[in-house]
Amino acid sequence: MHILRLCCIAVITAICALILKNHKSELVPLCITAGGILMFLYAFDYISESVEFIKNFTQTSGIDNEIIRIVFKIIGIGFLVELTAGSVKDLGFESLSDKLVLCGKIIIFVVAIPILNSTYKIIVSLIELV
């Protein structure tokens, strides 16, 4: 049911943007941005439940909190870059959007290096056991 509400916000935003396109085309980006913000605010309500579950999971499984922070950082960077790139592309600057996505991927790779390092250490310790 929650996804239905989210989809309704998107459809209402699209209809408003179409109506504005015929009368005041300069307000279309503002309308789309406002609809996007509403959708994100609606979606953020459900993040707290997921974060609580992940906290409990990491405490019981013994996973290092730093790894979880890095994973959340990577997810946040990905979402932010995707949102911004989509908005820039909607404004007609596709090449700038592509460059932003590339830079986002580079940043995600750099942020993920500690995870790669700890994975390497785990593999080495497993090989030493054999």
N, C-alpha and C. Protein backbone atom coordinates (compact mmCIF):
# COMPACT_ATOMS: atom_id res chain seq x y z
N MET A 1 0.80 -1.19 0.00
CA MET A 1 0.00 0.00 0.00
C MET A 1 0.85 1.27 0.00
N HIS A 2 1.99 1.20 0.66
CA HIS A 2 2.84 2.38 0.73
C HIS A 2 3.38 2.76 -0.64
N ILE A 3 3.70 1.76 -1.43
CA ILE A 3 4.22 2.05 -2.77
C ILE A 3 3.14 2.68 -3.64
N LEU A 4 1.89 2.34 -3.39
CA LEU A 4 0.78 2.95 -4.13
C LEU A 4 0.71 4.45 -3.85
N ARG A 5 0.88 4.83 -2.59
CA ARG A 5 0.89 6.26 -2.26
C ARG A 5 2.05 6.98 -2.93
N LEU A 6 3.20 6.34 -2.94
CA LEU A 6 4.37 6.93 -3.58
C LEU A 6 4.14 7.11 -5.08
N CYS A 7 3.54 6.10 -5.70
CA CYS A 7 3.23 6.19 -7.13
C CYS A 7 2.19 7.28 -7.41
N CYS A 8 1.25 7.44 -6.50
CA CYS A 8 0.24 8.50 -6.67
C CYS A 8 0.89 9.88 -6.62
N ILE A 9 1.83 10.07 -5.73
CA ILE A 9 2.55 11.34 -5.67
C ILE A 9 3.26 11.60 -6.99
N ALA A 10 3.89 10.57 -7.55
CA ALA A 10 4.59 10.72 -8.83
C ALA A 10 3.63 11.06 -9.96
N VAL A 11 2.48 10.39 -10.00
CA VAL A 11 1.51 10.65 -11.07
C VAL A 11 0.92 12.05 -10.94
N ILE A 12 0.58 12.45 -9.73
CA ILE A 12 0.04 13.80 -9.53
C ILE A 12 1.07 14.85 -9.91
N THR A 13 2.32 14.62 -9.56
CA THR A 13 3.38 15.55 -9.95
C THR A 13 3.51 15.63 -11.46
N ALA A 14 3.45 14.49 -12.14
CA ALA A 14 3.56 14.48 -13.60
C ALA A 14 2.39 15.20 -14.25
N ILE A 15 1.19 15.00 -13.73
CA ILE A 15 0.01 15.68 -14.28
C ILE A 15 0.12 17.19 -14.07
N CYS A 16 0.52 17.60 -12.88
CA CYS A 16 0.72 19.03 -12.62
C CYS A 16 1.78 19.62 -13.55
N ALA A 17 2.85 18.87 -13.78
CA ALA A 17 3.91 19.36 -14.67
C ALA A 17 3.39 19.49 -16.10
N LEU A 18 2.56 18.55 -16.54
CA LEU A 18 1.99 18.65 -17.89
C LEU A 18 1.06 19.84 -18.02
N ILE A 19 0.27 20.09 -16.99
CA ILE A 19 -0.62 21.25 -17.03
C ILE A 19 0.20 22.54 -17.05
N LEU A 20 1.22 22.60 -16.22
CA LEU A 20 2.07 23.79 -16.17
C LEU A 20 2.85 23.99 -17.46
N LYS A 21 3.17 22.89 -18.13
CA LYS A 21 3.96 22.97 -19.36
C LYS A 21 3.23 23.79 -20.42
N ASN A 22 1.91 23.70 -20.46
CA ASN A 22 1.13 24.44 -21.44
C ASN A 22 0.93 25.90 -21.05
N HIS A 23 0.93 26.22 -19.76
CA HIS A 23 0.61 27.56 -19.32
C HIS A 23 1.84 28.34 -18.83
N LYS A 24 2.60 27.75 -17.97
CA LYS A 24 3.80 28.41 -17.41
C LYS A 24 4.95 27.42 -17.41
N SER A 25 5.60 27.28 -18.55
CA SER A 25 6.63 26.26 -18.70
C SER A 25 7.83 26.48 -17.79
N GLU A 26 8.05 27.70 -17.34
CA GLU A 26 9.20 27.95 -16.47
C GLU A 26 9.00 27.38 -15.07
N LEU A 27 7.78 27.01 -14.72
CA LEU A 27 7.50 26.44 -13.40
C LEU A 27 7.58 24.91 -13.37
N VAL A 28 7.75 24.29 -14.55
CA VAL A 28 7.78 22.83 -14.61
C VAL A 28 8.93 22.24 -13.78
N PRO A 29 10.18 22.74 -13.92
CA PRO A 29 11.24 22.17 -13.08
C PRO A 29 10.97 22.32 -11.58
N LEU A 30 10.37 23.44 -11.19
CA LEU A 30 10.04 23.64 -9.78
C LEU A 30 8.99 22.63 -9.31
N CYS A 31 8.00 22.38 -10.15
CA CYS A 31 6.95 21.40 -9.82
C CYS A 31 7.54 20.00 -9.68
N ILE A 32 8.39 19.63 -10.60
CA ILE A 32 9.00 18.30 -10.56
C ILE A 32 9.91 18.16 -9.34
N THR A 33 10.65 19.22 -9.03
CA THR A 33 11.51 19.19 -7.86
C THR A 33 10.69 19.05 -6.58
N ALA A 34 9.59 19.80 -6.49
CA ALA A 34 8.73 19.70 -5.31
C ALA A 34 8.15 18.30 -5.17
N GLY A 35 7.70 17.71 -6.28
CA GLY A 35 7.19 16.34 -6.22
C GLY A 35 8.25 15.35 -5.80
N GLY A 36 9.46 15.53 -6.31
CA GLY A 36 10.57 14.65 -5.93
C GLY A 36 10.90 14.76 -4.45
N ILE A 37 10.86 15.99 -3.93
CA ILE A 37 11.13 16.19 -2.50
C ILE A 37 10.04 15.52 -1.67
N LEU A 38 8.79 15.65 -2.08
CA LEU A 38 7.70 14.98 -1.35
C LEU A 38 7.88 13.47 -1.34
N MET A 39 8.28 12.93 -2.48
CA MET A 39 8.48 11.48 -2.55
C MET A 39 9.62 11.04 -1.64
N PHE A 40 10.70 11.81 -1.61
CA PHE A 40 11.82 11.44 -0.74
C PHE A 40 11.45 11.56 0.73
N LEU A 41 10.72 12.61 1.08
CA LEU A 41 10.30 12.75 2.48
C LEU A 41 9.40 11.59 2.89
N TYR A 42 8.55 11.16 1.99
CA TYR A 42 7.68 10.03 2.28
C TYR A 42 8.51 8.75 2.44
N ALA A 43 9.50 8.57 1.58
CA ALA A 43 10.32 7.36 1.64
C ALA A 43 11.22 7.33 2.87
N PHE A 44 11.67 8.49 3.33
CA PHE A 44 12.56 8.54 4.49
C PHE A 44 11.88 8.08 5.78
N ASP A 45 10.55 8.11 5.81
CA ASP A 45 9.86 7.61 7.00
C ASP A 45 10.16 6.13 7.24
N TYR A 46 10.42 5.39 6.19
CA TYR A 46 10.64 3.95 6.31
C TYR A 46 12.09 3.59 6.56
N ILE A 47 12.96 4.56 6.44
CA ILE A 47 14.38 4.27 6.65
C ILE A 47 14.67 3.97 8.11
N SER A 48 13.99 4.64 9.02
CA SER A 48 14.28 4.43 10.44
C SER A 48 14.04 2.98 10.85
N GLU A 49 13.01 2.34 10.30
CA GLU A 49 12.76 0.94 10.61
C GLU A 49 13.90 0.05 10.11
N SER A 50 14.39 0.34 8.93
CA SER A 50 15.49 -0.44 8.36
C SER A 50 16.77 -0.23 9.14
N VAL A 51 17.03 1.00 9.54
CA VAL A 51 18.25 1.29 10.30
C VAL A 51 18.22 0.56 11.63
N GLU A 52 17.08 0.54 12.29
CA GLU A 52 16.96 -0.18 13.56
C GLU A 52 17.22 -1.67 13.38
N PHE A 53 16.68 -2.25 12.31
CA PHE A 53 16.92 -3.67 12.02
C PHE A 53 18.41 -3.92 11.79
N ILE A 54 19.05 -3.06 11.03
CA ILE A 54 20.47 -3.25 10.71
C ILE A 54 21.31 -3.11 11.98
N LYS A 55 20.95 -2.18 12.86
CA LYS A 55 21.68 -2.05 14.13
C LYS A 55 21.60 -3.34 14.94
N ASN A 56 20.40 -3.88 15.05
CA ASN A 56 20.23 -5.14 15.79
C ASN A 56 20.98 -6.28 15.12
N PHE A 57 20.95 -6.32 13.81
CA PHE A 57 21.64 -7.38 13.06
C PHE A 57 23.14 -7.31 13.27
N THR A 58 23.71 -6.11 13.20
CA THR A 58 25.16 -5.99 13.36
C THR A 58 25.59 -6.32 14.78
N GLN A 59 24.77 -5.99 15.76
CA GLN A 59 25.12 -6.31 17.15
C GLN A 59 25.12 -7.81 17.40
N THR A 60 24.15 -8.51 16.81
CA THR A 60 24.07 -9.96 17.04
C THR A 60 25.06 -10.73 16.18
N SER A 61 25.40 -10.21 15.01
CA SER A 61 26.30 -10.95 14.12
C SER A 61 27.77 -10.65 14.36
N GLY A 62 28.07 -9.55 15.03
CA GLY A 62 29.45 -9.21 15.31
C GLY A 62 30.16 -8.50 14.18
N ILE A 63 29.42 -7.98 13.23
CA ILE A 63 30.02 -7.21 12.13
C ILE A 63 30.50 -5.87 12.66
N ASP A 64 31.67 -5.45 12.20
CA ASP A 64 32.24 -4.18 12.64
C ASP A 64 31.34 -3.01 12.22
N ASN A 65 31.10 -2.09 13.15
CA ASN A 65 30.25 -0.94 12.86
C ASN A 65 30.82 -0.05 11.76
N GLU A 66 32.14 -0.02 11.65
CA GLU A 66 32.78 0.81 10.62
C GLU A 66 32.41 0.32 9.22
N ILE A 67 32.31 -0.98 9.06
CA ILE A 67 31.91 -1.54 7.76
C ILE A 67 30.49 -1.12 7.42
N ILE A 68 29.61 -1.17 8.40
CA ILE A 68 28.22 -0.77 8.17
C ILE A 68 28.14 0.71 7.82
N ARG A 69 28.92 1.53 8.50
CA ARG A 69 28.94 2.97 8.18
C ARG A 69 29.40 3.20 6.74
N ILE A 70 30.40 2.45 6.33
CA ILE A 70 30.90 2.60 4.96
C ILE A 70 29.84 2.17 3.95
N VAL A 71 29.15 1.09 4.24
CA VAL A 71 28.09 0.62 3.34
C VAL A 71 26.99 1.68 3.23
N PHE A 72 26.59 2.26 4.36
CA PHE A 72 25.58 3.31 4.31
C PHE A 72 26.07 4.54 3.55
N LYS A 73 27.35 4.85 3.73
CA LYS A 73 27.93 5.98 3.00
C LYS A 73 27.87 5.73 1.50
N ILE A 74 28.21 4.52 1.09
CA ILE A 74 28.18 4.16 -0.32
C ILE A 74 26.76 4.24 -0.88
N ILE A 75 25.81 3.72 -0.12
CA ILE A 75 24.41 3.78 -0.56
C ILE A 75 23.95 5.23 -0.67
N GLY A 76 24.30 6.05 0.31
CA GLY A 76 23.92 7.46 0.27
C GLY A 76 24.53 8.19 -0.90
N ILE A 77 25.80 7.92 -1.18
CA ILE A 77 26.46 8.55 -2.33
C ILE A 77 25.76 8.13 -3.61
N GLY A 78 25.46 6.85 -3.72
CA GLY A 78 24.79 6.37 -4.93
C GLY A 78 23.44 7.01 -5.14
N PHE A 79 22.63 7.07 -4.08
CA PHE A 79 21.32 7.70 -4.20
C PHE A 79 21.43 9.18 -4.55
N LEU A 80 22.33 9.87 -3.87
CA LEU A 80 22.48 11.31 -4.11
C LEU A 80 22.96 11.60 -5.53
N VAL A 81 23.92 10.84 -5.99
CA VAL A 81 24.43 11.04 -7.35
C VAL A 81 23.35 10.71 -8.38
N GLU A 82 22.61 9.64 -8.16
CA GLU A 82 21.55 9.26 -9.10
C GLU A 82 20.45 10.32 -9.15
N LEU A 83 20.05 10.83 -7.99
CA LEU A 83 19.03 11.87 -7.94
C LEU A 83 19.51 13.14 -8.64
N THR A 84 20.72 13.56 -8.33
CA THR A 84 21.24 14.78 -8.93
C THR A 84 21.46 14.61 -10.43
N ALA A 85 21.99 13.47 -10.84
CA ALA A 85 22.21 13.23 -12.27
C ALA A 85 20.90 13.20 -13.03
N GLY A 86 19.88 12.60 -12.46
CA GLY A 86 18.57 12.58 -13.11
C GLY A 86 17.99 13.97 -13.24
N SER A 87 18.16 14.78 -12.21
CA SER A 87 17.65 16.16 -12.26
C SER A 87 18.41 16.99 -13.29
N VAL A 88 19.71 16.82 -13.33
CA VAL A 88 20.52 17.56 -14.32
C VAL A 88 20.17 17.11 -15.74
N LYS A 89 19.94 15.81 -15.91
CA LYS A 89 19.56 15.29 -17.22
C LYS A 89 18.19 15.83 -17.64
N ASP A 90 17.26 15.92 -16.69
CA ASP A 90 15.94 16.48 -16.99
C ASP A 90 16.00 17.94 -17.42
N LEU A 91 17.00 18.64 -16.93
CA LEU A 91 17.18 20.04 -17.32
C LEU A 91 17.87 20.17 -18.67
N GLY A 92 18.28 19.04 -19.25
CA GLY A 92 18.84 19.06 -20.60
C GLY A 92 20.35 18.99 -20.68
N PHE A 93 21.01 18.73 -19.60
CA PHE A 93 22.47 18.67 -19.58
C PHE A 93 22.94 17.24 -19.40
N GLU A 94 22.73 16.42 -20.42
CA GLU A 94 23.02 14.99 -20.33
C GLU A 94 24.51 14.71 -20.15
N SER A 95 25.36 15.49 -20.83
CA SER A 95 26.81 15.24 -20.71
C SER A 95 27.29 15.54 -19.29
N LEU A 96 26.76 16.58 -18.68
CA LEU A 96 27.12 16.89 -17.31
C LEU A 96 26.63 15.79 -16.36
N SER A 97 25.45 15.28 -16.64
CA SER A 97 24.90 14.18 -15.85
C SER A 97 25.79 12.95 -15.94
N ASP A 98 26.25 12.62 -17.13
CA ASP A 98 27.13 11.46 -17.31
C ASP A 98 28.44 11.63 -16.55
N LYS A 99 28.98 12.85 -16.57
CA LYS A 99 30.23 13.11 -15.84
C LYS A 99 30.01 12.99 -14.34
N LEU A 100 28.86 13.44 -13.85
CA LEU A 100 28.55 13.31 -12.44
C LEU A 100 28.46 11.85 -12.02
N VAL A 101 27.83 11.03 -12.85
CA VAL A 101 27.72 9.60 -12.55
C VAL A 101 29.10 8.96 -12.51
N LEU A 102 29.96 9.30 -13.45
CA LEU A 102 31.32 8.76 -13.46
C LEU A 102 32.08 9.16 -12.19
N CYS A 103 31.99 10.43 -11.82
CA CYS A 103 32.67 10.89 -10.60
C CYS A 103 32.10 10.20 -9.37
N GLY A 104 30.79 9.98 -9.35
CA GLY A 104 30.17 9.26 -8.23
C GLY A 104 30.71 7.85 -8.11
N LYS A 105 30.90 7.18 -9.25
CA LYS A 105 31.44 5.82 -9.22
C LYS A 105 32.86 5.80 -8.70
N ILE A 106 33.63 6.80 -9.08
CA ILE A 106 35.02 6.88 -8.60
C ILE A 106 35.03 7.09 -7.08
N ILE A 107 34.18 7.98 -6.60
CA ILE A 107 34.11 8.25 -5.16
C ILE A 107 33.66 7.01 -4.40
N ILE A 108 32.67 6.29 -4.94
CA ILE A 108 32.21 5.06 -4.30
C ILE A 108 33.34 4.05 -4.22
N PHE A 109 34.12 3.93 -5.28
CA PHE A 109 35.25 2.99 -5.26
C PHE A 109 36.25 3.37 -4.18
N VAL A 110 36.57 4.65 -4.07
CA VAL A 110 37.54 5.10 -3.06
C VAL A 110 37.01 4.86 -1.65
N VAL A 111 35.72 5.13 -1.45
CA VAL A 111 35.13 4.93 -0.12
C VAL A 111 35.09 3.44 0.23
N ALA A 112 34.98 2.57 -0.78
CA ALA A 112 34.86 1.14 -0.54
C ALA A 112 36.20 0.45 -0.29
N ILE A 113 37.30 1.14 -0.42
CA ILE A 113 38.62 0.52 -0.25
C ILE A 113 38.79 -0.14 1.12
N PRO A 114 38.33 0.47 2.23
CA PRO A 114 38.46 -0.26 3.52
C PRO A 114 37.71 -1.59 3.55
N ILE A 115 36.59 -1.67 2.85
CA ILE A 115 35.87 -2.94 2.78
C ILE A 115 36.69 -3.95 1.99
N LEU A 116 37.29 -3.52 0.90
CA LEU A 116 38.15 -4.42 0.12
C LEU A 116 39.33 -4.88 0.96
N ASN A 117 39.88 -3.98 1.75
CA ASN A 117 41.02 -4.32 2.60
C ASN A 117 40.62 -5.36 3.65
N SER A 118 39.49 -5.18 4.29
CA SER A 118 39.08 -6.15 5.31
C SER A 118 38.70 -7.49 4.68
N THR A 119 38.15 -7.46 3.47
CA THR A 119 37.86 -8.71 2.75
C THR A 119 39.16 -9.45 2.44
N TYR A 120 40.17 -8.70 2.03
CA TYR A 120 41.48 -9.28 1.76
C TYR A 120 42.05 -9.94 3.01
N LYS A 121 41.94 -9.26 4.15
CA LYS A 121 42.47 -9.81 5.40
C LYS A 121 41.73 -11.10 5.78
N ILE A 122 40.42 -11.14 5.56
CA ILE A 122 39.65 -12.34 5.87
C ILE A 122 40.09 -13.49 4.98
N ILE A 123 40.29 -13.21 3.70
CA ILE A 123 40.70 -14.27 2.76
C ILE A 123 42.08 -14.78 3.14
N VAL A 124 43.00 -13.90 3.49
CA VAL A 124 44.34 -14.32 3.87
C VAL A 124 44.28 -15.17 5.14
N SER A 125 43.48 -14.77 6.11
CA SER A 125 43.39 -15.55 7.34
C SER A 125 42.77 -16.93 7.10
N LEU A 126 41.82 -16.99 6.15
CA LEU A 126 41.25 -18.29 5.82
C LEU A 126 42.24 -19.19 5.11
N ILE A 127 43.06 -18.61 4.26
CA ILE A 127 44.09 -19.39 3.56
C ILE A 127 45.12 -19.90 4.55
N GLU A 128 45.46 -19.10 5.55
CA GLU A 128 46.43 -19.53 6.55
C GLU A 128 45.90 -20.68 7.41
N LEU A 129 44.59 -20.78 7.52
CA LEU A 129 44.01 -21.89 8.30
C LEU A 129 44.16 -23.22 7.58
N VAL A 130 44.24 -23.17 6.26
CA VAL A 130 44.34 -24.41 5.47
C VAL A 130 45.73 -24.88 5.47
